[in-house]
N, C-alpha and C. Protein backbone atom coordinates (compact mmCIF):
# COMPACT_ATOMS: atom_id res chain seq x y z
N UNK A 1 30.21 -57.42 17.66
CA UNK A 1 30.47 -56.02 17.47
C UNK A 1 29.44 -55.18 18.23
N UNK A 2 28.18 -55.54 18.10
CA UNK A 2 27.11 -54.83 18.78
C UNK A 2 27.28 -54.92 20.30
N UNK A 3 27.77 -56.09 20.78
CA UNK A 3 28.02 -56.25 22.21
C UNK A 3 29.10 -55.30 22.69
N UNK A 4 30.13 -55.13 21.88
CA UNK A 4 31.23 -54.25 22.24
C UNK A 4 30.74 -52.81 22.37
N UNK A 5 29.90 -52.35 21.46
CA UNK A 5 29.36 -51.00 21.51
C UNK A 5 28.45 -50.86 22.74
N UNK A 6 27.60 -51.83 23.00
CA UNK A 6 26.70 -51.79 24.15
C UNK A 6 27.49 -51.80 25.45
N UNK A 7 28.54 -52.58 25.52
CA UNK A 7 29.37 -52.63 26.72
C UNK A 7 30.07 -51.29 26.95
N UNK A 8 30.54 -50.64 25.88
CA UNK A 8 31.23 -49.34 25.98
C UNK A 8 30.31 -48.25 26.47
N UNK A 9 29.03 -48.32 26.10
CA UNK A 9 28.07 -47.30 26.52
C UNK A 9 27.66 -47.47 27.98
N UNK A 10 27.81 -48.62 28.53
CA UNK A 10 27.40 -48.87 29.91
C UNK A 10 28.54 -48.72 30.91
N UNK A 11 29.71 -48.32 30.44
CA UNK A 11 30.82 -48.17 31.38
C UNK A 11 30.56 -46.97 32.29
N UNK A 12 31.11 -47.00 33.50
CA UNK A 12 30.86 -45.90 34.44
C UNK A 12 31.43 -44.58 33.90
N UNK A 13 30.79 -43.47 34.21
CA UNK A 13 31.29 -42.18 33.71
C UNK A 13 32.62 -41.82 34.36
N UNK A 14 33.45 -41.17 33.58
CA UNK A 14 34.76 -40.72 34.06
C UNK A 14 34.68 -39.20 34.22
N UNK A 15 34.98 -38.69 35.41
CA UNK A 15 34.89 -37.23 35.59
C UNK A 15 35.95 -36.51 34.76
N UNK A 16 35.58 -35.33 34.28
CA UNK A 16 36.52 -34.51 33.52
C UNK A 16 37.52 -33.90 34.50
N UNK A 17 38.73 -33.73 34.05
CA UNK A 17 39.72 -33.08 34.93
C UNK A 17 39.31 -31.63 35.19
N UNK A 18 39.68 -31.14 36.36
CA UNK A 18 39.36 -29.76 36.72
C UNK A 18 40.10 -28.82 35.77
N UNK A 19 39.42 -27.79 35.32
CA UNK A 19 40.02 -26.83 34.40
C UNK A 19 39.81 -25.42 34.89
N UNK A 20 40.37 -24.48 34.19
CA UNK A 20 40.23 -23.07 34.52
C UNK A 20 39.57 -22.35 33.36
N UNK A 21 38.94 -21.24 33.66
CA UNK A 21 38.28 -20.46 32.64
C UNK A 21 39.30 -19.90 31.66
N UNK A 22 38.86 -19.77 30.42
CA UNK A 22 39.70 -19.16 29.41
C UNK A 22 39.72 -17.65 29.67
N UNK A 23 40.87 -17.07 29.54
CA UNK A 23 41.01 -15.65 29.79
C UNK A 23 41.32 -14.96 28.47
N UNK A 24 40.45 -14.02 28.09
CA UNK A 24 40.68 -13.23 26.88
C UNK A 24 41.36 -11.93 27.30
N UNK A 25 42.57 -11.72 26.82
CA UNK A 25 43.30 -10.51 27.17
C UNK A 25 43.02 -9.41 26.16
N UNK A 26 42.86 -8.18 26.65
CA UNK A 26 42.64 -7.06 25.74
C UNK A 26 43.93 -6.68 25.01
N UNK A 27 43.76 -5.93 23.94
CA UNK A 27 44.90 -5.43 23.18
C UNK A 27 45.67 -4.43 24.04
N UNK A 28 46.99 -4.46 23.98
CA UNK A 28 47.82 -3.53 24.76
C UNK A 28 47.76 -2.13 24.13
N UNK A 29 47.13 -1.23 24.85
CA UNK A 29 47.09 0.18 24.49
C UNK A 29 47.27 0.98 25.77
N UNK A 30 47.99 2.09 25.68
CA UNK A 30 48.30 2.86 26.88
C UNK A 30 47.88 4.31 26.71
N UNK A 31 47.59 4.92 27.87
CA UNK A 31 47.30 6.35 27.90
C UNK A 31 48.14 6.99 29.00
N UNK A 32 48.27 8.30 28.93
CA UNK A 32 49.15 9.02 29.84
C UNK A 32 48.37 9.48 31.07
N UNK A 33 48.95 9.24 32.23
CA UNK A 33 48.44 9.79 33.49
C UNK A 33 49.26 11.04 33.76
N UNK A 34 48.68 12.20 33.48
CA UNK A 34 49.37 13.47 33.65
C UNK A 34 48.39 14.44 34.27
N UNK A 35 48.47 14.60 35.58
CA UNK A 35 47.56 15.46 36.32
C UNK A 35 48.37 16.42 37.18
N UNK A 36 47.83 16.82 38.30
CA UNK A 36 48.55 17.69 39.23
C UNK A 36 49.49 16.90 40.13
N UNK A 37 49.56 15.60 39.93
CA UNK A 37 50.45 14.75 40.73
C UNK A 37 51.91 15.07 40.40
N UNK A 38 52.83 14.74 41.31
CA UNK A 38 54.25 15.03 41.07
C UNK A 38 54.93 14.01 40.16
N UNK A 39 54.16 13.18 39.49
CA UNK A 39 54.74 12.19 38.57
C UNK A 39 53.80 11.97 37.39
N UNK A 40 54.35 11.38 36.36
CA UNK A 40 53.62 11.10 35.13
C UNK A 40 54.02 9.70 34.67
N UNK A 41 53.10 8.96 34.09
CA UNK A 41 53.41 7.63 33.55
C UNK A 41 52.30 7.21 32.59
N UNK A 42 52.53 6.12 31.88
CA UNK A 42 51.51 5.55 31.00
C UNK A 42 50.93 4.31 31.67
N UNK A 43 49.62 4.15 31.51
CA UNK A 43 48.93 2.99 32.08
C UNK A 43 47.98 2.42 31.02
N UNK A 44 47.53 1.17 31.17
CA UNK A 44 46.72 0.53 30.14
C UNK A 44 45.33 1.16 30.00
N UNK A 45 44.84 1.19 28.78
CA UNK A 45 43.52 1.78 28.51
C UNK A 45 42.38 0.95 29.10
N UNK A 46 42.61 -0.32 29.40
CA UNK A 46 41.57 -1.17 29.99
C UNK A 46 41.57 -1.10 31.52
N UNK A 47 42.40 -0.24 32.08
CA UNK A 47 42.43 -0.02 33.53
C UNK A 47 41.90 1.38 33.81
N UNK A 48 41.51 1.60 35.05
CA UNK A 48 41.08 2.95 35.42
C UNK A 48 41.78 3.34 36.72
N UNK A 49 42.04 4.62 36.84
CA UNK A 49 42.72 5.13 38.02
C UNK A 49 41.68 5.75 38.95
N UNK A 50 41.74 5.33 40.21
CA UNK A 50 40.83 5.85 41.23
C UNK A 50 41.65 6.31 42.43
N UNK A 51 41.13 7.29 43.13
CA UNK A 51 41.80 7.74 44.35
C UNK A 51 41.76 6.65 45.40
N UNK A 52 42.81 6.57 46.18
CA UNK A 52 42.84 5.61 47.28
C UNK A 52 41.92 6.14 48.37
N UNK A 53 40.89 5.38 48.69
CA UNK A 53 39.90 5.83 49.67
C UNK A 53 40.10 5.21 51.05
N UNK A 54 41.21 4.52 51.26
CA UNK A 54 41.44 3.91 52.57
C UNK A 54 41.69 4.99 53.62
N UNK A 55 41.48 4.63 54.86
CA UNK A 55 41.67 5.60 55.94
C UNK A 55 43.13 6.02 56.11
N UNK A 56 44.04 5.23 55.59
CA UNK A 56 45.47 5.54 55.70
C UNK A 56 45.99 6.36 54.51
N UNK A 57 45.14 6.57 53.51
CA UNK A 57 45.56 7.23 52.27
C UNK A 57 46.07 8.64 52.53
N UNK A 58 47.07 9.00 51.76
CA UNK A 58 47.66 10.33 51.81
C UNK A 58 47.50 10.98 50.44
N UNK A 59 47.81 12.27 50.34
CA UNK A 59 47.73 12.90 49.02
C UNK A 59 48.60 12.16 48.00
N UNK A 60 48.11 12.10 46.80
CA UNK A 60 48.79 11.47 45.66
C UNK A 60 48.85 9.95 45.76
N UNK A 61 47.98 9.35 46.54
CA UNK A 61 47.86 7.89 46.56
C UNK A 61 46.72 7.50 45.63
N UNK A 62 46.97 6.53 44.78
CA UNK A 62 45.97 6.09 43.81
C UNK A 62 45.98 4.57 43.70
N UNK A 63 44.95 4.06 43.08
CA UNK A 63 44.89 2.64 42.72
C UNK A 63 44.62 2.55 41.23
N UNK A 64 45.35 1.69 40.56
CA UNK A 64 45.05 1.38 39.18
C UNK A 64 44.22 0.11 39.21
N UNK A 65 42.96 0.26 38.82
CA UNK A 65 41.98 -0.81 38.94
C UNK A 65 41.89 -1.60 37.63
N UNK A 66 42.25 -2.87 37.69
CA UNK A 66 42.14 -3.78 36.55
C UNK A 66 40.88 -4.62 36.75
N UNK A 67 39.73 -3.99 36.53
CA UNK A 67 38.44 -4.63 36.80
C UNK A 67 38.28 -5.99 36.13
N UNK A 68 38.64 -6.16 34.84
CA UNK A 68 38.43 -7.47 34.22
C UNK A 68 39.19 -8.61 34.91
N UNK A 69 40.26 -8.26 35.62
CA UNK A 69 41.11 -9.28 36.25
C UNK A 69 40.98 -9.31 37.76
N UNK A 70 40.07 -8.51 38.33
CA UNK A 70 39.87 -8.43 39.78
C UNK A 70 41.19 -8.12 40.49
N UNK A 71 41.91 -7.14 39.95
CA UNK A 71 43.22 -6.78 40.50
C UNK A 71 43.33 -5.27 40.65
N UNK A 72 44.21 -4.86 41.56
CA UNK A 72 44.52 -3.45 41.75
C UNK A 72 46.01 -3.29 41.97
N UNK A 73 46.54 -2.24 41.37
CA UNK A 73 47.92 -1.83 41.63
C UNK A 73 47.84 -0.62 42.54
N UNK A 74 48.23 -0.79 43.79
CA UNK A 74 48.20 0.30 44.78
C UNK A 74 49.48 1.13 44.63
N UNK A 75 49.31 2.43 44.44
CA UNK A 75 50.44 3.35 44.28
C UNK A 75 50.41 4.36 45.41
N UNK A 76 51.50 4.43 46.16
CA UNK A 76 51.60 5.42 47.24
C UNK A 76 52.80 6.31 46.98
N UNK A 77 52.66 7.57 47.35
CA UNK A 77 53.70 8.58 47.12
C UNK A 77 54.09 9.21 48.45
N UNK A 78 55.37 9.41 48.62
CA UNK A 78 55.89 10.07 49.82
C UNK A 78 56.93 11.11 49.41
N UNK A 79 56.97 12.19 50.16
CA UNK A 79 58.02 13.18 49.99
C UNK A 79 59.17 12.78 50.90
N UNK A 80 60.37 12.79 50.36
CA UNK A 80 61.56 12.43 51.14
C UNK A 80 62.02 13.66 51.92
N UNK A 81 62.16 13.47 53.22
CA UNK A 81 62.67 14.53 54.11
C UNK A 81 63.76 13.92 54.98
N UNK A 82 64.89 13.62 54.38
CA UNK A 82 66.00 12.96 55.07
C UNK A 82 65.59 11.62 55.65
N UNK A 83 64.62 10.92 55.01
CA UNK A 83 64.15 9.64 55.53
C UNK A 83 64.05 8.58 54.42
N UNK A 84 64.86 8.70 53.40
CA UNK A 84 64.82 7.73 52.31
C UNK A 84 65.08 6.32 52.82
N UNK A 85 66.04 6.16 53.72
CA UNK A 85 66.34 4.82 54.25
C UNK A 85 65.12 4.20 54.94
N UNK A 86 64.32 5.00 55.61
CA UNK A 86 63.10 4.49 56.25
C UNK A 86 62.14 3.94 55.20
N UNK A 87 61.95 4.68 54.11
CA UNK A 87 61.05 4.22 53.05
C UNK A 87 61.58 2.96 52.37
N UNK A 88 62.88 2.90 52.15
CA UNK A 88 63.48 1.72 51.53
C UNK A 88 63.31 0.50 52.44
N UNK A 89 63.53 0.69 53.71
CA UNK A 89 63.39 -0.42 54.67
C UNK A 89 61.93 -0.85 54.81
N UNK A 90 61.00 0.12 54.81
CA UNK A 90 59.58 -0.22 54.85
C UNK A 90 59.18 -1.05 53.63
N UNK A 91 59.70 -0.68 52.46
CA UNK A 91 59.39 -1.44 51.24
C UNK A 91 59.91 -2.86 51.34
N UNK A 92 61.12 -3.02 51.82
CA UNK A 92 61.71 -4.35 51.97
C UNK A 92 60.91 -5.18 53.00
N UNK A 93 60.49 -4.55 54.08
CA UNK A 93 59.70 -5.24 55.10
C UNK A 93 58.37 -5.73 54.54
N UNK A 94 57.70 -4.88 53.75
CA UNK A 94 56.41 -5.27 53.17
C UNK A 94 56.57 -6.42 52.17
N UNK A 95 57.66 -6.45 51.45
CA UNK A 95 57.92 -7.58 50.54
C UNK A 95 58.22 -8.84 51.35
N UNK A 96 59.03 -8.71 52.38
CA UNK A 96 59.43 -9.87 53.18
C UNK A 96 58.27 -10.49 53.96
N UNK A 97 57.17 -9.77 54.14
CA UNK A 97 55.99 -10.35 54.79
C UNK A 97 55.42 -11.50 53.97
N UNK A 98 55.78 -11.58 52.69
CA UNK A 98 55.27 -12.65 51.82
C UNK A 98 56.13 -13.90 51.87
N UNK A 99 57.24 -13.87 52.58
CA UNK A 99 58.16 -15.01 52.62
C UNK A 99 57.49 -16.31 53.05
N UNK A 100 56.61 -16.32 54.07
CA UNK A 100 56.01 -17.61 54.47
C UNK A 100 55.21 -18.29 53.36
N UNK A 101 54.63 -17.53 52.45
CA UNK A 101 53.81 -18.10 51.38
C UNK A 101 54.52 -18.14 50.04
N UNK A 102 55.66 -17.49 49.92
CA UNK A 102 56.35 -17.38 48.64
C UNK A 102 57.31 -18.54 48.42
N UNK A 103 57.39 -18.97 47.16
CA UNK A 103 58.40 -19.96 46.77
C UNK A 103 59.71 -19.27 46.46
N UNK A 104 59.60 -18.06 45.92
CA UNK A 104 60.79 -17.30 45.56
C UNK A 104 60.45 -15.83 45.48
N UNK A 105 61.40 -14.99 45.83
CA UNK A 105 61.27 -13.55 45.65
C UNK A 105 62.54 -13.09 44.93
N UNK A 106 62.35 -12.56 43.75
CA UNK A 106 63.50 -12.04 43.00
C UNK A 106 63.38 -10.53 42.90
N UNK A 107 64.50 -9.88 42.76
CA UNK A 107 64.48 -8.43 42.64
C UNK A 107 65.33 -8.02 41.45
N UNK A 108 64.88 -6.92 40.83
CA UNK A 108 65.56 -6.39 39.65
C UNK A 108 65.70 -4.89 39.85
N UNK A 109 66.91 -4.39 39.68
CA UNK A 109 67.14 -2.96 39.83
C UNK A 109 66.68 -2.22 38.59
N UNK A 110 66.23 -0.99 38.79
CA UNK A 110 65.82 -0.14 37.68
C UNK A 110 66.61 1.16 37.76
N UNK A 111 67.26 1.52 36.66
CA UNK A 111 68.03 2.77 36.58
C UNK A 111 67.64 3.51 35.32
N UNK A 112 67.25 4.76 35.47
CA UNK A 112 67.03 5.63 34.32
C UNK A 112 67.59 7.00 34.69
N UNK A 113 68.94 7.13 34.66
CA UNK A 113 69.57 8.38 35.11
C UNK A 113 69.10 9.61 34.33
N UNK A 114 68.77 9.43 33.04
CA UNK A 114 68.32 10.58 32.25
C UNK A 114 67.04 11.19 32.78
N UNK A 115 66.19 10.38 33.42
CA UNK A 115 64.94 10.86 34.00
C UNK A 115 65.02 10.94 35.53
N UNK A 116 66.18 10.60 36.07
CA UNK A 116 66.38 10.63 37.52
C UNK A 116 65.41 9.70 38.24
N UNK A 117 65.20 8.50 37.66
CA UNK A 117 64.30 7.50 38.24
C UNK A 117 65.11 6.24 38.53
N UNK A 118 65.08 5.82 39.78
CA UNK A 118 65.81 4.63 40.23
C UNK A 118 64.87 3.79 41.08
N UNK A 119 65.08 2.50 41.09
CA UNK A 119 64.20 1.70 41.92
C UNK A 119 64.53 0.23 41.92
N UNK A 120 63.63 -0.52 42.53
CA UNK A 120 63.73 -1.97 42.62
C UNK A 120 62.36 -2.55 42.32
N UNK A 121 62.35 -3.64 41.55
CA UNK A 121 61.11 -4.36 41.24
C UNK A 121 61.24 -5.75 41.85
N UNK A 122 60.25 -6.13 42.65
CA UNK A 122 60.23 -7.45 43.29
C UNK A 122 59.19 -8.32 42.60
N UNK A 123 59.57 -9.53 42.22
CA UNK A 123 58.63 -10.52 41.72
C UNK A 123 58.49 -11.60 42.78
N UNK A 124 57.26 -11.81 43.22
CA UNK A 124 56.99 -12.75 44.31
C UNK A 124 56.25 -13.94 43.72
N UNK A 125 56.84 -15.12 43.80
CA UNK A 125 56.23 -16.33 43.26
C UNK A 125 55.86 -17.27 44.40
N UNK A 126 54.70 -17.87 44.27
CA UNK A 126 54.22 -18.81 45.28
C UNK A 126 52.72 -18.90 45.24
N UNK A 127 52.21 -20.06 45.53
CA UNK A 127 50.78 -20.32 45.41
C UNK A 127 49.94 -19.43 46.31
N UNK A 128 50.38 -19.15 47.52
CA UNK A 128 49.55 -18.38 48.44
C UNK A 128 50.01 -16.96 48.67
N UNK A 129 50.98 -16.46 47.91
CA UNK A 129 51.47 -15.10 48.11
C UNK A 129 50.38 -14.10 47.72
N UNK A 130 50.13 -13.14 48.58
CA UNK A 130 49.04 -12.18 48.35
C UNK A 130 49.37 -11.19 47.23
N UNK A 131 50.63 -10.85 47.07
CA UNK A 131 51.04 -9.89 46.04
C UNK A 131 52.07 -10.56 45.14
N UNK A 132 51.87 -10.41 43.84
CA UNK A 132 52.79 -11.04 42.89
C UNK A 132 53.91 -10.12 42.45
N UNK A 133 53.71 -8.82 42.63
CA UNK A 133 54.71 -7.86 42.17
C UNK A 133 54.64 -6.62 43.04
N UNK A 134 55.80 -6.13 43.44
CA UNK A 134 55.91 -4.88 44.18
C UNK A 134 57.13 -4.14 43.66
N UNK A 135 57.12 -2.83 43.82
CA UNK A 135 58.26 -2.03 43.36
C UNK A 135 58.30 -0.71 44.12
N UNK A 136 59.44 -0.06 44.02
CA UNK A 136 59.53 1.33 44.45
C UNK A 136 60.38 2.08 43.43
N UNK A 137 60.09 3.37 43.32
CA UNK A 137 60.83 4.27 42.44
C UNK A 137 61.14 5.53 43.22
N UNK A 138 62.31 6.09 42.99
CA UNK A 138 62.70 7.29 43.71
C UNK A 138 63.68 8.11 42.87
N UNK A 139 63.79 9.39 43.21
CA UNK A 139 64.86 10.21 42.65
C UNK A 139 65.98 10.36 43.67
N UNK A 140 65.83 9.72 44.81
CA UNK A 140 66.79 9.68 45.92
C UNK A 140 66.92 10.99 46.68
N UNK A 141 66.16 12.00 46.29
CA UNK A 141 66.30 13.30 46.94
C UNK A 141 64.97 13.80 47.51
N UNK A 142 63.93 13.78 46.68
CA UNK A 142 62.66 14.40 47.06
C UNK A 142 61.47 13.45 46.99
N UNK A 143 61.44 12.55 46.01
CA UNK A 143 60.24 11.77 45.70
C UNK A 143 60.45 10.27 45.90
N UNK A 144 59.37 9.62 46.37
CA UNK A 144 59.40 8.17 46.56
C UNK A 144 58.00 7.63 46.23
N UNK A 145 57.94 6.64 45.36
CA UNK A 145 56.68 5.98 44.99
C UNK A 145 56.84 4.49 45.22
N UNK A 146 55.82 3.90 45.79
CA UNK A 146 55.79 2.45 46.01
C UNK A 146 54.55 1.88 45.37
N UNK A 147 54.68 0.72 44.73
CA UNK A 147 53.54 0.06 44.11
C UNK A 147 53.45 -1.40 44.52
N UNK A 148 52.23 -1.92 44.61
CA UNK A 148 52.01 -3.32 44.95
C UNK A 148 50.76 -3.82 44.23
N UNK A 149 50.90 -4.95 43.56
CA UNK A 149 49.80 -5.56 42.82
C UNK A 149 49.10 -6.59 43.71
N UNK A 150 47.78 -6.43 43.86
CA UNK A 150 46.98 -7.35 44.65
C UNK A 150 45.76 -7.78 43.84
N UNK A 151 45.31 -9.00 44.08
CA UNK A 151 44.10 -9.51 43.47
C UNK A 151 42.98 -9.55 44.50
N UNK A 152 41.77 -9.28 44.07
CA UNK A 152 40.60 -9.34 44.95
C UNK A 152 40.01 -10.75 44.91
N UNK A 153 40.86 -11.74 44.99
CA UNK A 153 40.47 -13.15 44.95
C UNK A 153 41.35 -13.91 45.93
N UNK A 154 40.98 -15.14 46.21
CA UNK A 154 41.87 -16.00 46.98
C UNK A 154 43.10 -16.25 46.11
N UNK A 155 44.30 -15.96 46.61
CA UNK A 155 45.48 -16.12 45.77
C UNK A 155 45.74 -17.57 45.39
N UNK A 156 45.88 -17.79 44.13
CA UNK A 156 46.31 -19.07 43.59
C UNK A 156 47.13 -18.73 42.36
N UNK A 157 48.39 -18.40 42.61
CA UNK A 157 49.22 -17.88 41.54
C UNK A 157 49.46 -18.87 40.42
N UNK A 158 49.21 -20.16 40.64
CA UNK A 158 49.32 -21.11 39.54
C UNK A 158 48.27 -20.82 38.48
N UNK A 159 47.03 -20.66 38.90
CA UNK A 159 45.96 -20.39 37.93
C UNK A 159 45.97 -18.94 37.49
N UNK A 160 46.49 -18.03 38.31
CA UNK A 160 46.56 -16.62 37.96
C UNK A 160 47.80 -16.29 37.13
N UNK A 161 48.67 -17.23 36.93
CA UNK A 161 49.95 -16.99 36.27
C UNK A 161 49.83 -16.24 34.94
N UNK A 162 48.91 -16.62 34.04
CA UNK A 162 48.81 -15.86 32.79
C UNK A 162 48.42 -14.40 33.02
N UNK A 163 47.53 -14.15 33.98
CA UNK A 163 47.11 -12.79 34.27
C UNK A 163 48.26 -12.02 34.92
N UNK A 164 48.97 -12.65 35.84
CA UNK A 164 50.11 -12.00 36.49
C UNK A 164 51.15 -11.60 35.45
N UNK A 165 51.48 -12.50 34.55
CA UNK A 165 52.45 -12.18 33.49
C UNK A 165 51.96 -11.03 32.62
N UNK A 166 50.67 -11.03 32.29
CA UNK A 166 50.08 -9.97 31.47
C UNK A 166 50.19 -8.62 32.19
N UNK A 167 49.87 -8.59 33.48
CA UNK A 167 49.91 -7.34 34.24
C UNK A 167 51.34 -6.90 34.55
N UNK A 168 52.26 -7.84 34.69
CA UNK A 168 53.67 -7.47 34.90
C UNK A 168 54.21 -6.70 33.70
N UNK A 169 53.74 -7.04 32.50
CA UNK A 169 54.13 -6.29 31.31
C UNK A 169 53.64 -4.85 31.41
N UNK A 170 52.41 -4.67 31.90
CA UNK A 170 51.87 -3.32 32.09
C UNK A 170 52.65 -2.55 33.15
N UNK A 171 53.01 -3.24 34.22
CA UNK A 171 53.78 -2.58 35.29
C UNK A 171 55.15 -2.19 34.76
N UNK A 172 55.78 -3.03 33.99
CA UNK A 172 57.08 -2.69 33.38
C UNK A 172 56.94 -1.47 32.47
N UNK A 173 55.87 -1.44 31.69
CA UNK A 173 55.64 -0.28 30.82
C UNK A 173 55.45 0.99 31.65
N UNK A 174 54.69 0.88 32.73
CA UNK A 174 54.48 2.02 33.61
C UNK A 174 55.81 2.52 34.18
N UNK A 175 56.62 1.61 34.66
CA UNK A 175 57.92 1.98 35.23
C UNK A 175 58.82 2.61 34.18
N UNK A 176 58.84 2.05 32.98
CA UNK A 176 59.70 2.57 31.91
C UNK A 176 59.25 3.94 31.41
N UNK A 177 57.99 4.31 31.61
CA UNK A 177 57.50 5.61 31.17
C UNK A 177 57.34 6.58 32.34
N UNK A 178 57.76 6.20 33.52
CA UNK A 178 57.59 6.98 34.74
C UNK A 178 58.56 8.18 34.72
N UNK A 179 58.03 9.36 35.03
CA UNK A 179 58.83 10.59 35.10
C UNK A 179 58.38 11.40 36.31
N UNK A 180 59.33 12.15 36.88
CA UNK A 180 58.99 13.09 37.95
C UNK A 180 58.63 14.43 37.34
N UNK A 181 57.73 15.14 37.99
CA UNK A 181 57.38 16.49 37.55
C UNK A 181 57.79 17.49 38.63
N UNK A 182 58.11 18.68 38.19
CA UNK A 182 58.42 19.74 39.16
C UNK A 182 57.12 20.45 39.51
N UNK A 183 56.87 20.54 40.81
CA UNK A 183 55.61 21.15 41.26
C UNK A 183 55.91 22.46 41.96
C-alpha cells in the first residue's frame, strides 16, 4: 500500500488544460441618453458615452465605452439627403468586409412604425471576425444611424462569446428604446 502511494507521488506532472478568466457581469441597469442629439435611447449604467475623437468623426458621432469588457459600440449619425441607398449600401459593404473571417452572418429586420424606426441588425460569428454585431436604424426620410461593436483585444469570439451575448442584450435594449427627436 505504501509503495502504491509513493509511486503515485512520483508520477510526472500533468499540465492543467488551458482555461479562461471568470467574467463577472454587472447587474442590468439602464439610463437615458437624451441630449441635443437628434435621437434618444437607453444605454447600460456600466458603460459611458464619449465623443468620437477620430479624424473622420462628424457631429453626433459617439462611442459607448464598455471599459470592463474592453469593448466599444461606435455610433455614427448621418442626415439623409436623397442618399439613403448609399448609406444602406455602405452598411452592407462594411458588414461584408468580415466575410473572410466570419463563419456566419445573420441579419434581423427591425420595425417600430409607431416610433418611425426601421433597421437591420447583423450578427457576425467567427473566431477572427473583428466585429460581432453591427446595425443601422433609419426613419427612411431624414435620419440614419449606424452602430458597430468592436473589442480592443485580439478577436477570439469563442472565448468572448459570453461577453458578446451580454453586450448584444444591451444593444437590443438600445435599439428597442431608440427614438428620433425633432430638432
